[in-house]
Amino acid sequence: MPRRPLKPKQIAEWQISRIGKVARPIGTVQASDADAAIRRAIEKYDIAAEQQDRIMARPTVERPS
């Protein structure tokens, strides 16, 4: 069954990974969109400035508003 696109301001859980030869999972955060998830992960996991451009976020679980 296809996933429905996230609505604006809908909170979802995002899987945060570091991109390299292989994507390495860092953890999860809750945010309304991918950009917000990356910003939250940078703070939560104390990601160094030189690594911040190698971070990606993808939704894992939709949560009803």
Protein backbone atom coordinates (compact mmCIF):
# COMPACT_ATOMS: atom_id res chain seq x y z
CA MET A 1 0.00 0.00 0.00
CA PRO A 2 1.54 3.36 -1.00
CA ARG A 3 2.33 5.85 1.73
CA ARG A 4 0.41 9.08 1.81
CA PRO A 5 2.53 12.25 1.52
CA LEU A 6 3.03 14.11 4.78
CA LYS A 7 0.80 17.11 5.38
CA PRO A 8 2.49 20.39 6.29
CA LYS A 9 3.08 20.66 10.04
CA GLN A 10 2.31 16.96 10.52
CA ILE A 11 4.78 15.44 12.96
CA ALA A 12 6.56 12.31 11.77
CA GLU A 13 9.45 10.22 12.97
CA TRP A 14 12.55 10.56 10.80
CA GLN A 15 15.48 8.17 10.46
CA ILE A 16 18.72 10.17 10.43
CA SER A 17 21.73 8.73 8.59
CA ARG A 18 25.21 9.86 7.61
CA ILE A 19 25.87 9.55 3.90
CA GLY A 20 29.11 7.95 2.74
CA LYS A 21 29.93 4.86 0.72
CA VAL A 22 27.24 3.30 2.88
CA ALA A 23 24.53 5.23 4.74
CA ARG A 24 25.11 4.74 8.46
CA PRO A 25 22.14 5.21 10.81
CA ILE A 26 22.59 7.78 13.56
CA GLY A 27 19.16 7.71 15.22
CA THR A 28 15.63 9.05 14.97
CA VAL A 29 13.99 12.41 15.64
CA GLN A 30 10.47 13.78 15.43
CA ALA A 31 9.87 16.74 13.14
CA SER A 32 7.41 18.14 10.61
CA ASP A 33 9.73 17.91 7.58
CA ALA A 34 13.15 16.66 6.52
CA ASP A 35 14.92 20.00 6.97
CA ALA A 36 13.57 20.37 10.50
CA ALA A 37 14.56 16.77 11.23
CA ILE A 38 18.14 17.42 10.12
CA ARG A 39 18.36 20.59 12.23
CA ARG A 40 17.00 18.73 15.26
CA ALA A 41 19.41 15.81 14.71
CA ILE A 42 22.40 18.17 14.50
CA GLU A 43 21.49 19.50 17.95
CA LYS A 44 20.41 16.18 19.50
CA TYR A 45 23.39 14.12 18.31
CA ASP A 46 25.96 16.96 18.42
CA ILE A 47 27.02 16.48 14.79
CA ALA A 48 30.25 18.32 13.93
CA ALA A 49 30.06 21.21 11.44
CA GLU A 50 32.19 19.40 8.84
CA GLN A 51 29.76 16.44 8.87
CA GLN A 52 26.48 18.40 8.69
CA ASP A 53 26.32 18.41 4.89
CA ARG A 54 26.49 14.57 4.90
CA ILE A 55 23.29 14.04 6.90
CA MET A 56 20.01 12.80 5.41
CA ALA A 57 16.53 12.23 6.85
CA ARG A 58 13.76 9.92 5.70
CA PRO A 59 10.34 9.40 7.30
CA THR A 60 9.81 6.16 9.18
CA VAL A 61 6.38 6.45 10.84
CA GLU A 62 3.48 8.77 10.14
CA ARG A 63 1.77 10.19 13.20
CA PRO A 64 -1.76 11.61 13.10
CA SER A 65 -2.08 15.31 13.96
